[in-house]
Amino acid sequence: MIRFVGTLALVAVLFGFTPGTLSLSGSIGTGPGQISPRKAYAQGKSLTFKVLACRGCPLEKSELDRERAISLAASLEAVYAEETTGTQDDEVVRNLCGPDTEDCGIRMEVVHYFLTRRYKLQVPIRGIQQEVIE
């Protein structure tokens, strides 16, 4: 009886430390055909600092702060929905997807994911990562 209770307690503790799975509608999450959140963050960071905020890019790395991240996130959502916000960041975001880019939506999604996580943004979501951002 003591052995059974000990085994049951061990199983309960092990299940307590296992992360639960989330079912997300975006392409960032767990499951087949989706990008893990860690990989999405890394890809978004890489794209942000290679294409959007670098030397010779439309935005200097030193200009990227929380306020600019909010503007970029809004522009990413608008361009994703084929709209405009009327800010200078609309053109900056369009540089993310060149003429030969097939995965434009994914690129926008991972950059948006990076910006919202890095700068702790609470922005309304329209098209990008519908249920990914908390």
Protein backbone atom coordinates (compact mmCIF):
# COMPACT_ATOMS: atom_id res chain seq x y z
CA MET A 1 0.00 0.00 0.00
CA ILE A 2 2.82 2.42 0.87
CA ARG A 3 4.58 1.56 -2.39
CA PHE A 4 1.36 2.28 -4.35
CA VAL A 5 0.89 5.68 -2.67
CA GLY A 6 4.56 6.54 -3.28
CA THR A 7 4.28 5.61 -6.97
CA LEU A 8 1.06 7.60 -7.31
CA ALA A 9 2.73 10.65 -5.70
CA LEU A 10 5.73 10.32 -8.03
CA VAL A 11 3.47 10.18 -11.09
CA ALA A 12 1.51 13.22 -9.86
CA VAL A 13 4.73 15.19 -9.38
CA LEU A 14 6.02 14.21 -12.84
CA PHE A 15 2.78 15.28 -14.50
CA GLY A 16 2.92 18.54 -12.59
CA PHE A 17 6.24 19.43 -14.19
CA THR A 18 5.33 18.52 -17.75
CA PRO A 19 4.23 21.50 -19.84
CA GLY A 20 0.74 21.36 -21.27
CA THR A 21 0.12 21.62 -24.97
CA LEU A 22 -1.64 24.59 -26.46
CA SER A 23 -3.74 24.52 -29.57
CA LEU A 24 -3.12 27.73 -31.48
CA SER A 25 -4.65 28.89 -34.72
CA GLY A 26 -1.55 30.71 -35.99
CA SER A 27 1.51 29.07 -37.45
CA ILE A 28 3.51 29.69 -34.28
CA GLY A 29 2.91 27.05 -31.67
CA THR A 30 3.16 23.34 -31.16
CA GLY A 31 2.14 20.62 -33.54
CA PRO A 32 2.83 19.54 -37.08
CA GLY A 33 3.57 22.30 -39.57
CA GLN A 34 4.02 24.97 -36.93
CA ILE A 35 7.06 26.92 -35.78
CA SER A 36 8.02 26.63 -32.12
CA PRO A 37 7.78 29.90 -30.17
CA ARG A 38 11.52 29.84 -29.43
CA LYS A 39 12.39 29.39 -33.11
CA ALA A 40 9.86 32.05 -34.13
CA TYR A 41 11.41 34.52 -31.69
CA ALA A 42 14.92 33.80 -33.00
CA GLN A 43 13.83 34.06 -36.65
CA GLY A 44 11.94 37.28 -35.95
CA LYS A 45 14.93 38.79 -34.19
CA SER A 46 17.22 37.81 -37.04
CA LEU A 47 14.92 39.26 -39.70
CA THR A 48 14.36 42.43 -37.69
CA PHE A 49 18.05 43.19 -37.36
CA LYS A 50 19.05 42.01 -40.86
CA VAL A 51 16.25 43.59 -42.90
CA LEU A 52 14.46 46.26 -40.88
CA ALA A 53 16.92 47.75 -38.40
CA CYS A 54 20.54 47.68 -39.57
CA ARG A 55 23.13 49.82 -41.28
CA GLY A 56 21.79 50.79 -44.66
CA CYS A 57 18.29 49.63 -43.71
CA PRO A 58 15.29 51.96 -43.59
CA LEU A 59 15.51 51.97 -39.79
CA GLU A 60 18.67 52.24 -37.72
CA LYS A 61 19.15 49.72 -34.93
CA SER A 62 19.42 52.53 -32.37
CA GLU A 63 15.99 53.86 -33.43
CA LEU A 64 14.20 50.67 -32.45
CA ASP A 65 12.61 51.22 -29.06
CA ARG A 66 9.23 50.37 -27.56
CA GLU A 67 7.38 53.24 -29.26
CA ARG A 68 8.84 52.36 -32.66
CA ALA A 69 8.07 48.68 -32.05
CA ILE A 70 4.42 49.59 -31.45
CA SER A 71 4.36 51.49 -34.74
CA LEU A 72 6.08 48.63 -36.59
CA ALA A 73 3.66 46.07 -35.14
CA ALA A 74 0.68 48.18 -36.25
CA SER A 75 2.17 48.52 -39.72
CA LEU A 76 2.84 44.78 -39.88
CA GLU A 77 -0.81 44.10 -39.08
CA ALA A 78 -2.02 46.65 -41.62
CA VAL A 79 0.24 45.48 -44.46
CA TYR A 80 -0.67 41.86 -43.65
CA ALA A 81 -4.35 42.82 -44.05
CA GLU A 82 -3.44 44.72 -47.26
CA GLU A 83 -4.20 48.08 -45.66
CA THR A 84 -2.06 51.04 -44.60
CA THR A 85 -1.62 52.96 -41.36
CA GLY A 86 -0.28 56.06 -43.09
CA THR A 87 2.98 56.03 -41.11
CA GLN A 88 6.54 55.80 -42.37
CA ASP A 89 6.71 52.27 -41.01
CA ASP A 90 4.39 50.94 -43.73
CA GLU A 91 7.23 51.29 -46.22
CA VAL A 92 9.75 49.86 -43.74
CA VAL A 93 7.56 46.77 -43.34
CA ARG A 94 7.19 46.35 -47.10
CA ASN A 95 10.99 45.98 -47.28
CA LEU A 96 10.62 42.82 -45.22
CA CYS A 97 9.14 41.09 -48.24
CA GLY A 98 11.06 41.60 -51.44
CA PRO A 99 9.77 40.70 -54.90
CA ASP A 100 11.24 37.18 -54.74
CA THR A 101 9.98 36.37 -51.25
CA GLU A 102 7.53 33.48 -51.15
CA ASP A 103 7.10 33.30 -47.38
CA CYS A 104 6.12 36.93 -46.82
CA GLY A 105 3.30 36.12 -44.40
CA ILE A 106 5.53 33.96 -42.24
CA ARG A 107 8.25 36.60 -42.22
CA MET A 108 5.74 39.20 -41.05
CA GLU A 109 4.39 36.82 -38.44
CA VAL A 110 7.76 36.01 -36.85
CA VAL A 111 8.87 39.67 -36.83
CA HIS A 112 5.56 40.62 -35.22
CA TYR A 113 6.01 37.80 -32.71
CA PHE A 114 9.54 39.01 -31.87
CA LEU A 115 8.46 42.64 -31.45
CA THR A 116 5.49 41.81 -29.24
CA ARG A 117 7.54 39.52 -27.01
CA ARG A 118 10.70 41.63 -26.87
CA TYR A 119 8.94 44.91 -26.15
CA LYS A 120 6.00 43.38 -24.22
CA LEU A 121 3.40 44.93 -26.50
CA GLN A 122 -0.30 44.57 -25.90
CA VAL A 123 -1.62 45.40 -29.36
CA PRO A 124 -4.93 44.38 -30.88
CA ILE A 125 -4.47 41.54 -33.32
CA ARG A 126 -6.34 41.45 -36.61
CA GLY A 127 -4.65 39.00 -38.94
CA ILE A 128 -1.23 38.11 -37.59
CA GLN A 129 -1.05 35.47 -34.84
CA GLN A 130 -4.73 35.63 -33.98
CA GLU A 131 -4.48 33.71 -30.71
CA VAL A 132 -0.73 33.48 -30.22
CA ILE A 133 -0.16 36.74 -28.40
CA GLU A 134 -1.58 36.80 -24.89
